[in-house]
Amino acid sequence: MSKNIMRTPEEKEKLVLEMINNGYGFHTMSKKHDISKSVLSKWYYSYKEKGIEGLKSNTGKHKSLSTGLHLKKPKNKIEELELELMKKDIEIARLKKGYMVKGVGAEKEFVTTFDKNTK
């Protein structure tokens, strides 16, 4: 089996349509194109459910809940309080791990809160 070949959504769609139009199973397509059956299965069901959009890779594109907290503008009082709570939760988690953040952007610096010599 070939390994870690990134295919475009169009290439994936072409393979899925070949499988559908010719009535090939996962095993046949797997042997023919040297692709894992599980990968073909994932593409097939993603294509059936969402079309070509389902075949787009999401690798490295997931956003965390805290992405851009300092840029987000709350629309109402509830959102403002939720944003403040999220910032406090992040600060508490950092303190538990033993560091604080000083500065913002390129000037951001992570400072440990524990002394190196704990004796």
PDB file of N, CA and C in Angstrom:
ATOM      1  N   MET A   1       0.829  -1.181   0.000  1.00  0.00           N
ATOM      2  CA  MET A   1       0.000   0.000   0.000  1.00  0.00           C
ATOM      3  C   MET A   1       0.876   1.247   0.000  1.00  0.00           C
ATOM      4  N   SER A   2       0.505   2.209  -0.810  1.00  0.00           N
ATOM      5  CA  SER A   2       1.226   3.473  -0.798  1.00  0.00           C
ATOM      6  C   SER A   2       0.871   4.199   0.492  1.00  0.00           C
ATOM      7  N   LYS A   3       1.764   5.051   0.935  1.00  0.00           N
ATOM      8  CA  LYS A   3       1.575   5.652   2.243  1.00  0.00           C
ATOM      9  C   LYS A   3       1.646   7.172   2.163  1.00  0.00           C
ATOM     10  N   ASN A   4       0.702   7.818   2.843  1.00  0.00           N
ATOM     11  CA  ASN A   4       0.702   9.269   3.028  1.00  0.00           C
ATOM     12  C   ASN A   4       0.733  10.068   1.726  1.00  0.00           C
ATOM     13  N   ILE A   5      -0.023   9.637   0.742  1.00  0.00           N
ATOM     14  CA  ILE A   5      -0.153  10.422  -0.480  1.00  0.00           C
ATOM     15  C   ILE A   5      -1.364  11.329  -0.300  1.00  0.00           C
ATOM     16  N   MET A   6      -1.133  12.630  -0.327  1.00  0.00           N
ATOM     17  CA  MET A   6      -2.234  13.576  -0.204  1.00  0.00           C
ATOM     18  C   MET A   6      -2.915  13.721  -1.558  1.00  0.00           C
ATOM     19  N   ARG A   7      -4.182  13.420  -1.593  1.00  0.00           N
ATOM     20  CA  ARG A   7      -4.948  13.524  -2.829  1.00  0.00           C
ATOM     21  C   ARG A   7      -5.916  14.694  -2.718  1.00  0.00           C
ATOM     22  N   THR A   8      -6.160  15.331  -3.851  1.00  0.00           N
ATOM     23  CA  THR A   8      -7.106  16.440  -3.873  1.00  0.00           C
ATOM     24  C   THR A   8      -8.518  15.876  -3.783  1.00  0.00           C
ATOM     25  N   PRO A   9      -9.478  16.704  -3.380  1.00  0.00           N
ATOM     26  CA  PRO A   9     -10.862  16.236  -3.348  1.00  0.00           C
ATOM     27  C   PRO A   9     -11.335  15.741  -4.721  1.00  0.00           C
ATOM     28  N   GLU A  10     -10.828  16.355  -5.789  1.00  0.00           N
ATOM     29  CA  GLU A  10     -11.220  15.940  -7.137  1.00  0.00           C
ATOM     30  C   GLU A  10     -10.706  14.533  -7.447  1.00  0.00           C
ATOM     31  N   GLU A  11      -9.473  14.237  -7.021  1.00  0.00           N
ATOM     32  CA  GLU A  11      -8.919  12.896  -7.230  1.00  0.00           C
ATOM     33  C   GLU A  11      -9.708  11.866  -6.430  1.00  0.00           C
ATOM     34  N   LYS A  12     -10.058  12.219  -5.207  1.00  0.00           N
ATOM     35  CA  LYS A  12     -10.842  11.311  -4.372  1.00  0.00           C
ATOM     36  C   LYS A  12     -12.211  11.067  -5.003  1.00  0.00           C
ATOM     37  N   GLU A  13     -12.829  12.148  -5.508  1.00  0.00           N
ATOM     38  CA  GLU A  13     -14.143  12.024  -6.138  1.00  0.00           C
ATOM     39  C   GLU A  13     -14.062  11.119  -7.359  1.00  0.00           C
ATOM     40  N   LYS A  14     -13.014  11.274  -8.150  1.00  0.00           N
ATOM     41  CA  LYS A  14     -12.831  10.447  -9.343  1.00  0.00           C
ATOM     42  C   LYS A  14     -12.772   8.966  -8.964  1.00  0.00           C
ATOM     43  N   LEU A  15     -12.025   8.648  -7.914  1.00  0.00           N
ATOM     44  CA  LEU A  15     -11.913   7.259  -7.464  1.00  0.00           C
ATOM     45  C   LEU A  15     -13.246   6.732  -6.934  1.00  0.00           C
ATOM     46  N   VAL A  16     -13.958   7.549  -6.164  1.00  0.00           N
ATOM     47  CA  VAL A  16     -15.254   7.129  -5.619  1.00  0.00           C
ATOM     48  C   VAL A  16     -16.252   6.915  -6.749  1.00  0.00           C
ATOM     49  N   LEU A  17     -16.281   7.822  -7.726  1.00  0.00           N
ATOM     50  CA  LEU A  17     -17.205   7.675  -8.852  1.00  0.00           C
ATOM     51  C   LEU A  17     -16.860   6.459  -9.704  1.00  0.00           C
ATOM     52  N   GLU A  18     -15.575   6.173  -9.865  1.00  0.00           N
ATOM     53  CA  GLU A  18     -15.167   4.968 -10.591  1.00  0.00           C
ATOM     54  C   GLU A  18     -15.701   3.729  -9.878  1.00  0.00           C
ATOM     55  N   MET A  19     -15.613   3.744  -8.575  1.00  0.00           N
ATOM     56  CA  MET A  19     -16.098   2.613  -7.790  1.00  0.00           C
ATOM     57  C   MET A  19     -17.616   2.472  -7.931  1.00  0.00           C
ATOM     58  N   ILE A  20     -18.337   3.578  -7.882  1.00  0.00           N
ATOM     59  CA  ILE A  20     -19.798   3.551  -7.976  1.00  0.00           C
ATOM     60  C   ILE A  20     -20.245   3.157  -9.380  1.00  0.00           C
ATOM     61  N   ASN A  21     -19.691   3.818 -10.401  1.00  0.00           N
ATOM     62  CA  ASN A  21     -20.129   3.595 -11.781  1.00  0.00           C
ATOM     63  C   ASN A  21     -19.815   2.198 -12.297  1.00  0.00           C
ATOM     64  N   ASN A  22     -18.696   1.630 -11.857  1.00  0.00           N
ATOM     65  CA  ASN A  22     -18.302   0.305 -12.335  1.00  0.00           C
ATOM     66  C   ASN A  22     -18.730  -0.810 -11.393  1.00  0.00           C
ATOM     67  N   GLY A  23     -19.340  -0.450 -10.286  1.00  0.00           N
ATOM     68  CA  GLY A  23     -19.806  -1.456  -9.346  1.00  0.00           C
ATOM     69  C   GLY A  23     -18.684  -2.178  -8.621  1.00  0.00           C
ATOM     70  N   TYR A  24     -17.524  -1.537  -8.520  1.00  0.00           N
ATOM     71  CA  TYR A  24     -16.400  -2.150  -7.820  1.00  0.00           C
ATOM     72  C   TYR A  24     -16.633  -2.073  -6.308  1.00  0.00           C
ATOM     73  N   GLY A  25     -16.103  -3.049  -5.611  1.00  0.00           N
ATOM     74  CA  GLY A  25     -16.135  -3.027  -4.152  1.00  0.00           C
ATOM     75  C   GLY A  25     -14.865  -2.385  -3.622  1.00  0.00           C
ATOM     76  N   PHE A  26     -14.817  -2.239  -2.315  1.00  0.00           N
ATOM     77  CA  PHE A  26     -13.645  -1.630  -1.685  1.00  0.00           C
ATOM     78  C   PHE A  26     -12.393  -2.466  -1.930  1.00  0.00           C
ATOM     79  N   HIS A  27     -12.555  -3.794  -1.881  1.00  0.00           N
ATOM     80  CA  HIS A  27     -11.405  -4.688  -2.064  1.00  0.00           C
ATOM     81  C   HIS A  27     -10.818  -4.536  -3.471  1.00  0.00           C
ATOM     82  N   THR A  28     -11.682  -4.527  -4.480  1.00  0.00           N
ATOM     83  CA  THR A  28     -11.228  -4.406  -5.870  1.00  0.00           C
ATOM     84  C   THR A  28     -10.511  -3.078  -6.096  1.00  0.00           C
ATOM     85  N   MET A  29     -11.119  -1.993  -5.635  1.00  0.00           N
ATOM     86  CA  MET A  29     -10.507  -0.672  -5.808  1.00  0.00           C
ATOM     87  C   MET A  29      -9.206  -0.564  -5.016  1.00  0.00           C
ATOM     88  N   SER A  30      -9.181  -1.197  -3.865  1.00  0.00           N
ATOM     89  CA  SER A  30      -7.983  -1.184  -3.038  1.00  0.00           C
ATOM     90  C   SER A  30      -6.811  -1.813  -3.776  1.00  0.00           C
ATOM     91  N   LYS A  31      -7.057  -2.952  -4.387  1.00  0.00           N
ATOM     92  CA  LYS A  31      -6.001  -3.643  -5.139  1.00  0.00           C
ATOM     93  C   LYS A  31      -5.615  -2.853  -6.391  1.00  0.00           C
ATOM     94  N   LYS A  32      -6.627  -2.335  -7.092  1.00  0.00           N
ATOM     95  CA  LYS A  32      -6.403  -1.659  -8.370  1.00  0.00           C
ATOM     96  C   LYS A  32      -5.574  -0.378  -8.218  1.00  0.00           C
ATOM     97  N   HIS A  33      -5.845   0.393  -7.172  1.00  0.00           N
ATOM     98  CA  HIS A  33      -5.194   1.703  -7.008  1.00  0.00           C
ATOM     99  C   HIS A  33      -4.214   1.753  -5.843  1.00  0.00           C
ATOM    100  N   ASP A  34      -4.001   0.616  -5.190  1.00  0.00           N
ATOM    101  CA  ASP A  34      -3.050   0.532  -4.081  1.00  0.00           C
ATOM    102  C   ASP A  34      -3.384   1.546  -2.979  1.00  0.00           C
ATOM    103  N   ILE A  35      -4.666   1.525  -2.574  1.00  0.00           N
ATOM    104  CA  ILE A  35      -5.168   2.402  -1.517  1.00  0.00           C
ATOM    105  C   ILE A  35      -5.834   1.516  -0.470  1.00  0.00           C
ATOM    106  N   SER A  36      -5.690   1.858   0.769  1.00  0.00           N
ATOM    107  CA  SER A  36      -6.287   1.105   1.864  1.00  0.00           C
ATOM    108  C   SER A  36      -7.811   1.039   1.721  1.00  0.00           C
ATOM    109  N   LYS A  37      -8.378  -0.121   2.056  1.00  0.00           N
ATOM    110  CA  LYS A  37      -9.834  -0.280   1.999  1.00  0.00           C
ATOM    111  C   LYS A  37     -10.518   0.669   2.976  1.00  0.00           C
ATOM    112  N   SER A  38      -9.915   0.869   4.126  1.00  0.00           N
ATOM    113  CA  SER A  38     -10.535   1.753   5.117  1.00  0.00           C
ATOM    114  C   SER A  38     -10.561   3.205   4.632  1.00  0.00           C
ATOM    115  N   VAL A  39      -9.520   3.614   3.917  1.00  0.00           N
ATOM    116  CA  VAL A  39      -9.480   4.974   3.362  1.00  0.00           C
ATOM    117  C   VAL A  39     -10.560   5.123   2.294  1.00  0.00           C
ATOM    118  N   LEU A  40     -10.658   4.133   1.414  1.00  0.00           N
ATOM    119  CA  LEU A  40     -11.696   4.171   0.375  1.00  0.00           C
ATOM    120  C   LEU A  40     -13.085   4.200   0.993  1.00  0.00           C
ATOM    121  N   SER A  41     -13.272   3.416   2.029  1.00  0.00           N
ATOM    122  CA  SER A  41     -14.563   3.371   2.709  1.00  0.00           C
ATOM    123  C   SER A  41     -14.907   4.736   3.298  1.00  0.00           C
ATOM    124  N   LYS A  42     -13.929   5.368   3.932  1.00  0.00           N
ATOM    125  CA  LYS A  42     -14.151   6.692   4.525  1.00  0.00           C
ATOM    126  C   LYS A  42     -14.512   7.707   3.440  1.00  0.00           C
ATOM    127  N   TRP A  43     -13.772   7.682   2.326  1.00  0.00           N
ATOM    128  CA  TRP A  43     -14.068   8.594   1.220  1.00  0.00           C
ATOM    129  C   TRP A  43     -15.462   8.344   0.664  1.00  0.00           C
ATOM    130  N   TYR A  44     -15.808   7.077   0.487  1.00  0.00           N
ATOM    131  CA  TYR A  44     -17.096   6.702  -0.102  1.00  0.00           C
ATOM    132  C   TYR A  44     -18.245   7.253   0.743  1.00  0.00           C
ATOM    133  N   TYR A  45     -18.219   6.974   2.040  1.00  0.00           N
ATOM    134  CA  TYR A  45     -19.316   7.407   2.901  1.00  0.00           C
ATOM    135  C   TYR A  45     -19.325   8.922   3.101  1.00  0.00           C
ATOM    136  N   SER A  46     -18.159   9.541   3.115  1.00  0.00           N
ATOM    137  CA  SER A  46     -18.102  11.005   3.201  1.00  0.00           C
ATOM    138  C   SER A  46     -18.699  11.631   1.946  1.00  0.00           C
ATOM    139  N   TYR A  47     -18.394  11.028   0.795  1.00  0.00           N
ATOM    140  CA  TYR A  47     -18.916  11.544  -0.471  1.00  0.00           C
ATOM    141  C   TYR A  47     -20.431  11.357  -0.547  1.00  0.00           C
ATOM    142  N   LYS A  48     -20.905  10.196  -0.096  1.00  0.00           N
ATOM    143  CA  LYS A  48     -22.348   9.930  -0.107  1.00  0.00           C
ATOM    144  C   LYS A  48     -23.090  10.925   0.784  1.00  0.00           C
ATOM    145  N   GLU A  49     -22.484  11.262   1.915  1.00  0.00           N
ATOM    146  CA  GLU A  49     -23.148  12.122   2.885  1.00  0.00           C
ATOM    147  C   GLU A  49     -23.054  13.607   2.533  1.00  0.00           C
ATOM    148  N   LYS A  50     -21.849  14.066   2.109  1.00  0.00           N
ATOM    149  CA  LYS A  50     -21.636  15.507   1.938  1.00  0.00           C
ATOM    150  C   LYS A  50     -21.187  15.920   0.548  1.00  0.00           C
ATOM    151  N   GLY A  51     -21.059  14.974  -0.375  1.00  0.00           N
ATOM    152  CA  GLY A  51     -20.566  15.317  -1.706  1.00  0.00           C
ATOM    153  C   GLY A  51     -19.080  15.609  -1.667  1.00  0.00           C
ATOM    154  N   ILE A  52     -18.623  16.414  -2.614  1.00  0.00           N
ATOM    155  CA  ILE A  52     -17.186  16.699  -2.708  1.00  0.00           C
ATOM    156  C   ILE A  52     -16.679  17.459  -1.478  1.00  0.00           C
ATOM    157  N   GLU A  53     -17.553  18.190  -0.799  1.00  0.00           N
ATOM    158  CA  GLU A  53     -17.158  18.898   0.429  1.00  0.00           C
ATOM    159  C   GLU A  53     -16.690  17.916   1.499  1.00  0.00           C
ATOM    160  N   GLY A  54     -17.280  16.732   1.518  1.00  0.00           N
ATOM    161  CA  GLY A  54     -16.894  15.721   2.495  1.00  0.00           C
ATOM    162  C   GLY A  54     -15.523  15.134   2.237  1.00  0.00           C
ATOM    163  N   LEU A  55     -14.990  15.348   1.036  1.00  0.00           N
ATOM    164  CA  LEU A  55     -13.688  14.791   0.674  1.00  0.00           C
ATOM    165  C   LEU A  55     -12.541  15.758   0.938  1.00  0.00           C
ATOM    166  N   LYS A  56     -12.861  16.969   1.349  1.00  0.00           N
ATOM    167  CA  LYS A  56     -11.808  17.941   1.636  1.00  0.00           C
ATOM    168  C   LYS A  56     -11.128  17.586   2.946  1.00  0.00           C
ATOM    169  N   SER A  57      -9.814  17.732   2.971  1.00  0.00           N
ATOM    170  CA  SER A  57      -9.026  17.414   4.157  1.00  0.00           C
ATOM    171  C   SER A  57      -9.173  18.517   5.193  1.00  0.00           C
ATOM    172  N   ASN A  58      -9.330  18.116   6.445  1.00  0.00           N
ATOM    173  CA  ASN A  58      -9.402  19.083   7.539  1.00  0.00           C
ATOM    174  C   ASN A  58      -8.141  19.078   8.379  1.00  0.00           C
ATOM    175  N   THR A  59      -7.111  18.425   7.891  1.00  0.00           N
ATOM    176  CA  THR A  59      -5.869  18.311   8.646  1.00  0.00           C
ATOM    177  C   THR A  59      -5.279  19.691   8.914  1.00  0.00           C
ATOM    178  N   GLY A  60      -5.044  19.979  10.168  1.00  0.00           N
ATOM    179  CA  GLY A  60      -4.420  21.239  10.559  1.00  0.00           C
ATOM    180  C   GLY A  60      -5.333  22.436  10.494  1.00  0.00           C
ATOM    181  N   LYS A  61      -6.628  22.215  10.308  1.00  0.00           N
ATOM    182  CA  LYS A  61      -7.537  23.340  10.153  1.00  0.00           C
ATOM    183  C   LYS A  61      -8.538  23.462  11.297  1.00  0.00           C
ATOM    184  N   HIS A  62      -8.384  22.650  12.320  1.00  0.00           N
ATOM    185  CA  HIS A  62      -9.317  22.708  13.435  1.00  0.00           C
ATOM    186  C   HIS A  62      -9.009  23.922  14.291  1.00  0.00           C
ATOM    187  N   LYS A  63     -10.062  24.588  14.667  1.00  0.00           N
ATOM    188  CA  LYS A  63      -9.895  25.766  15.509  1.00  0.00           C
ATOM    189  C   LYS A  63     -10.294  25.401  16.928  1.00  0.00           C
ATOM    190  N   SER A  64      -9.507  25.841  17.868  1.00  0.00           N
ATOM    191  CA  SER A  64      -9.858  25.598  19.257  1.00  0.00           C
ATOM    192  C   SER A  64     -10.889  26.638  19.681  1.00  0.00           C
ATOM    193  N   LEU A  65     -11.532  26.360  20.784  1.00  0.00           N
ATOM    194  CA  LEU A  65     -12.536  27.292  21.281  1.00  0.00           C
ATOM    195  C   LEU A  65     -11.939  28.633  21.665  1.00  0.00           C
ATOM    196  N   SER A  66     -10.665  28.630  22.018  1.00  0.00           N
ATOM    197  CA  SER A  66     -10.050  29.862  22.495  1.00  0.00           C
ATOM    198  C   SER A  66      -9.370  30.663  21.387  1.00  0.00           C
ATOM    199  N   THR A  67      -9.491  30.235  20.129  1.00  0.00           N
ATOM    200  CA  THR A  67      -8.822  30.924  19.039  1.00  0.00           C
ATOM    201  C   THR A  67      -9.312  32.366  18.940  1.00  0.00           C
ATOM    202  N   GLY A  68      -8.394  33.278  19.039  1.00  0.00           N
ATOM    203  CA  GLY A  68      -8.718  34.688  18.860  1.00  0.00           C
ATOM    204  C   GLY A  68      -9.602  35.275  19.938  1.00  0.00           C
ATOM    205  N   LEU A  69      -9.453  34.829  21.167  1.00  0.00           N
ATOM    206  CA  LEU A  69     -10.293  35.370  22.234  1.00  0.00           C
ATOM    207  C   LEU A  69     -10.132  36.875  22.372  1.00  0.00           C
ATOM    208  N   HIS A  70      -8.917  37.357  22.196  1.00  0.00           N
ATOM    209  CA  HIS A  70      -8.684  38.792  22.343  1.00  0.00           C
ATOM    210  C   HIS A  70      -9.258  39.582  21.166  1.00  0.00           C
ATOM    211  N   LEU A  71      -9.585  38.901  20.058  1.00  0.00           N
ATOM    212  CA  LEU A  71     -10.142  39.579  18.891  1.00  0.00           C
ATOM    213  C   LEU A  71     -11.666  39.537  18.873  1.00  0.00           C
ATOM    214  N   LYS A  72     -12.223  38.586  19.598  1.00  0.00           N
ATOM    215  CA  LYS A  72     -13.668  38.382  19.563  1.00  0.00           C
ATOM    216  C   LYS A  72     -14.379  39.499  20.326  1.00  0.00           C
ATOM    217  N   LYS A  73     -15.389  40.069  19.688  1.00  0.00           N
ATOM    218  CA  LYS A  73     -16.165  41.118  20.324  1.00  0.00           C
ATOM    219  C   LYS A  73     -17.511  40.524  20.757  1.00  0.00           C
ATOM    220  N   PRO A  74     -17.803  40.543  22.052  1.00  0.00           N
ATOM    221  CA  PRO A  74     -19.070  39.984  22.522  1.00  0.00           C
ATOM    222  C   PRO A  74     -20.255  40.807  22.022  1.00  0.00           C
ATOM    223  N   LYS A  75     -21.340  40.108  21.671  1.00  0.00           N
ATOM    224  CA  LYS A  75     -22.513  40.783  21.123  1.00  0.00           C
ATOM    225  C   LYS A  75     -23.480  41.215  22.216  1.00  0.00           C
ATOM    226  N   ASN A  76     -23.500  40.460  23.307  1.00  0.00           N
ATOM    227  CA  ASN A  76     -24.401  40.820  24.394  1.00  0.00           C
ATOM    228  C   ASN A  76     -23.745  40.479  25.732  1.00  0.00           C
ATOM    229  N   LYS A  77     -24.447  40.739  26.812  1.00  0.00           N
ATOM    230  CA  LYS A  77     -23.896  40.543  28.155  1.00  0.00           C
ATOM    231  C   LYS A  77     -23.542  39.075  28.405  1.00  0.00           C
ATOM    232  N   ILE A  78     -24.368  38.152  27.935  1.00  0.00           N
ATOM    233  CA  ILE A  78     -24.110  36.722  28.149  1.00  0.00           C
ATOM    234  C   ILE A  78     -22.818  36.310  27.457  1.00  0.00           C
ATOM    235  N   GLU A  79     -22.640  36.714  26.208  1.00  0.00           N
ATOM    236  CA  GLU A  79     -21.408  36.379  25.488  1.00  0.00           C
ATOM    237  C   GLU A  79     -20.191  37.015  26.154  1.00  0.00           C
ATOM    238  N   GLU A  80     -20.371  38.215  26.656  1.00  0.00           N
ATOM    239  CA  GLU A  80     -19.273  38.900  27.341  1.00  0.00           C
ATOM    240  C   GLU A  80     -18.849  38.117  28.586  1.00  0.00           C
ATOM    241  N   LEU A  81     -19.830  37.644  29.341  1.00  0.00           N
ATOM    242  CA  LEU A  81     -19.530  36.866  30.544  1.00  0.00           C
ATOM    243  C   LEU A  81     -18.928  35.504  30.199  1.00  0.00           C
ATOM    244  N   GLU A  82     -19.425  34.866  29.137  1.00  0.00           N
ATOM    245  CA  GLU A  82     -18.866  33.579  28.708  1.00  0.00           C
ATOM    246  C   GLU A  82     -17.411  33.738  28.273  1.00  0.00           C
ATOM    247  N   LEU A  83     -17.117  34.811  27.559  1.00  0.00           N
ATOM    248  CA  LEU A  83     -15.751  35.086  27.121  1.00  0.00           C
ATOM    249  C   LEU A  83     -14.831  35.313  28.320  1.00  0.00           C
ATOM    250  N   GLU A  84     -15.300  36.071  29.277  1.00  0.00           N
ATOM    251  CA  GLU A  84     -14.518  36.327  30.490  1.00  0.00           C
ATOM    252  C   GLU A  84     -14.274  35.034  31.263  1.00  0.00           C
ATOM    253  N   LEU A  85     -15.297  34.194  31.358  1.00  0.00           N
ATOM    254  CA  LEU A  85     -15.162  32.908  32.051  1.00  0.00           C
ATOM    255  C   LEU A  85     -14.154  32.004  31.343  1.00  0.00           C
ATOM    256  N   MET A  86     -14.198  31.984  30.016  1.00  0.00           N
ATOM    257  CA  MET A  86     -13.264  31.160  29.249  1.00  0.00           C
ATOM    258  C   MET A  86     -11.827  31.635  29.467  1.00  0.00           C
ATOM    259  N   LYS A  87     -11.628  32.936  29.484  1.00  0.00           N
ATOM    260  CA  LYS A  87     -10.287  33.483  29.727  1.00  0.00           C
ATOM    261  C   LYS A  87      -9.791  33.098  31.118  1.00  0.00           C
ATOM    262  N   LYS A  88     -10.667  33.152  32.107  1.00  0.00           N
ATOM    263  CA  LYS A  88     -10.290  32.784  33.480  1.00  0.00           C
ATOM    264  C   LYS A  88      -9.964  31.293  33.563  1.00  0.00           C
ATOM    265  N   ASP A  89     -10.746  30.452  32.877  1.00  0.00           N
ATOM    266  CA  ASP A  89     -10.476  29.007  32.861  1.00  0.00           C
ATOM    267  C   ASP A  89      -9.104  28.717  32.261  1.00  0.00           C
ATOM    268  N   ILE A  90      -8.767  29.425  31.201  1.00  0.00           N
ATOM    269  CA  ILE A  90      -7.457  29.243  30.564  1.00  0.00           C
ATOM    270  C   ILE A  90      -6.347  29.679  31.513  1.00  0.00           C
ATOM    271  N   GLU A  91      -6.561  30.803  32.180  1.00  0.00           N
ATOM    272  CA  GLU A  91      -5.558  31.291  33.125  1.00  0.00           C
ATOM    273  C   GLU A  91      -5.357  30.303  34.277  1.00  0.00           C
ATOM    274  N   ILE A  92      -6.439  29.741  34.797  1.00  0.00           N
ATOM    275  CA  ILE A  92      -6.345  28.753  35.885  1.00  0.00           C
ATOM    276  C   ILE A  92      -5.589  27.517  35.417  1.00  0.00           C
ATOM    277  N   ALA A  93      -5.899  27.036  34.210  1.00  0.00           N
ATOM    278  CA  ALA A  93      -5.208  25.856  33.674  1.00  0.00           C
ATOM    279  C   ALA A  93      -3.714  26.125  33.532  1.00  0.00           C
ATOM    280  N   ARG A  94      -3.351  27.306  33.077  1.00  0.00           N
ATOM    281  CA  ARG A  94      -1.931  27.653  32.935  1.00  0.00           C
ATOM    282  C   ARG A  94      -1.241  27.706  34.290  1.00  0.00           C
ATOM    283  N   LEU A  95      -1.910  28.280  35.275  1.00  0.00           N
ATOM    284  CA  LEU A  95      -1.316  28.357  36.610  1.00  0.00           C
ATOM    285  C   LEU A  95      -1.129  26.968  37.209  1.00  0.00           C
ATOM    286  N   LYS A  96      -2.076  26.072  36.962  1.00  0.00           N
ATOM    287  CA  LYS A  96      -1.943  24.696  37.448  1.00  0.00           C
ATOM    288  C   LYS A  96      -0.753  24.005  36.798  1.00  0.00           C
ATOM    289  N   LYS A  97      -0.494  24.334  35.539  1.00  0.00           N
ATOM    290  CA  LYS A  97       0.639  23.730  34.833  1.00  0.00           C
ATOM    291  C   LYS A  97       1.950  24.421  35.180  1.00  0.00           C
ATOM    292  N   GLY A  98       1.867  25.543  35.839  1.00  0.00           N
ATOM    293  CA  GLY A  98       3.077  26.189  36.323  1.00  0.00           C
ATOM    294  C   GLY A  98       3.652  27.268  35.431  1.00  0.00           C
ATOM    295  N   TYR A  99       2.835  27.924  34.634  1.00  0.00           N
ATOM    296  CA  TYR A  99       3.371  29.035  33.856  1.00  0.00           C
ATOM    297  C   TYR A  99       2.312  30.110  33.652  1.00  0.00           C
ATOM    298  N   MET A 100       2.800  31.305  33.337  1.00  0.00           N
ATOM    299  CA  MET A 100       1.938  32.445  33.037  1.00  0.00           C
ATOM    300  C   MET A 100       2.364  33.017  31.697  1.00  0.00           C
ATOM    301  N   VAL A 101       1.488  33.774  31.084  1.00  0.00           N
ATOM    302  CA  VAL A 101       1.810  34.418  29.819  1.00  0.00           C
ATOM    303  C   VAL A 101       1.923  35.911  30.073  1.00  0.00           C
ATOM    304  N   LYS A 102       3.044  36.469  29.642  1.00  0.00           N
ATOM    305  CA  LYS A 102       3.236  37.918  29.745  1.00  0.00           C
ATOM    306  C   LYS A 102       3.384  38.470  28.341  1.00  0.00           C
ATOM    307  N   GLY A 103       2.683  39.540  28.058  1.00  0.00           N
ATOM    308  CA  GLY A 103       2.742  40.156  26.738  1.00  0.00           C
ATOM    309  C   GLY A 103       1.724  39.533  25.792  1.00  0.00           C
ATOM    310  N   VAL A 104       1.664  40.105  24.585  1.00  0.00           N
ATOM    311  CA  VAL A 104       0.746  39.602  23.563  1.00  0.00           C
ATOM    312  C   VAL A 104       1.449  39.559  22.218  1.00  0.00           C
ATOM    313  N   GLY A 105       0.900  38.801  21.296  1.00  0.00           N
ATOM    314  CA  GLY A 105       1.429  38.732  19.936  1.00  0.00           C
ATOM    315  C   GLY A 105       2.860  38.248  19.896  1.00  0.00           C
ATOM    316  N   ALA A 106       3.705  38.962  19.144  1.00  0.00           N
ATOM    317  CA  ALA A 106       5.109  38.575  18.993  1.00  0.00           C
ATOM    318  C   ALA A 106       5.880  38.770  20.292  1.00  0.00           C
ATOM    319  N   GLU A 107       5.358  39.586  21.184  1.00  0.00           N
ATOM    320  CA  GLU A 107       6.017  39.868  22.459  1.00  0.00           C
ATOM    321  C   GLU A 107       5.620  38.871  23.548  1.00  0.00           C
ATOM    322  N   LYS A 108       4.813  37.864  23.195  1.00  0.00           N
ATOM    323  CA  LYS A 108       4.318  36.905  24.178  1.00  0.00           C
ATOM    324  C   LYS A 108       5.474  36.108  24.765  1.00  0.00           C
ATOM    325  N   GLU A 109       5.448  35.954  26.088  1.00  0.00           N
ATOM    326  CA  GLU A 109       6.506  35.229  26.789  1.00  0.00           C
ATOM    327  C   GLU A 109       5.852  34.322  27.830  1.00  0.00           C
ATOM    328  N   PHE A 110       6.282  33.064  27.885  1.00  0.00           N
ATOM    329  CA  PHE A 110       5.769  32.114  28.859  1.00  0.00           C
ATOM    330  C   PHE A 110       6.746  32.061  30.031  1.00  0.00           C
ATOM    331  N   VAL A 111       6.259  32.393  31.208  1.00  0.00           N
ATOM    332  CA  VAL A 111       7.105  32.480  32.391  1.00  0.00           C
ATOM    333  C   VAL A 111       6.651  31.423  33.390  1.00  0.00           C
ATOM    334  N   THR A 112       7.608  30.620  33.888  1.00  0.00           N
ATOM    335  CA  THR A 112       7.249  29.610  34.885  1.00  0.00           C
ATOM    336  C   THR A 112       6.963  30.282  36.213  1.00  0.00           C
ATOM    337  N   THR A 113       6.039  29.695  36.954  1.00  0.00           N
ATOM    338  CA  THR A 113       5.663  30.275  38.236  1.00  0.00           C
ATOM    339  C   THR A 113       6.308  29.554  39.403  1.00  0.00           C
ATOM    340  N   PHE A 114       6.976  28.444  39.132  1.00  0.00           N
ATOM    341  CA  PHE A 114       7.633  27.685  40.189  1.00  0.00           C
ATOM    342  C   PHE A 114       9.109  28.037  40.235  1.00  0.00           C
ATOM    343  N   ASP A 115       9.668  28.032  41.434  1.00  0.00           N
ATOM    344  CA  ASP A 115      11.108  28.212  41.571  1.00  0.00           C
ATOM    345  C   ASP A 115      11.803  26.952  41.087  1.00  0.00           C
ATOM    346  N   LYS A 116      12.969  27.122  40.494  1.00  0.00           N
ATOM    347  CA  LYS A 116      13.711  25.965  40.015  1.00  0.00           C
ATOM    348  C   LYS A 116      14.191  25.111  41.179  1.00  0.00           C
ATOM    349  N   ASN A 117      14.556  25.748  42.282  1.00  0.00           N
ATOM    350  CA  ASN A 117      15.010  25.029  43.456  1.00  0.00           C
ATOM    351  C   ASN A 117      13.854  24.969  44.447  1.00  0.00           C
ATOM    352  N   THR A 118      13.220  23.817  44.558  1.00  0.00           N
ATOM    353  CA  THR A 118      12.045  23.704  45.419  1.00  0.00           C
ATOM    354  C   THR A 118      12.378  23.187  46.805  1.00  0.00           C
ATOM    355  N   LYS A 119      13.669  22.966  47.106  1.00  0.00           N
ATOM    356  CA  LYS A 119      14.052  22.453  48.433  1.00  0.00           C
ATOM    357  C   LYS A 119      14.138  23.562  49.440  1.00  0.00           C
TER     358      LYS A 119
END
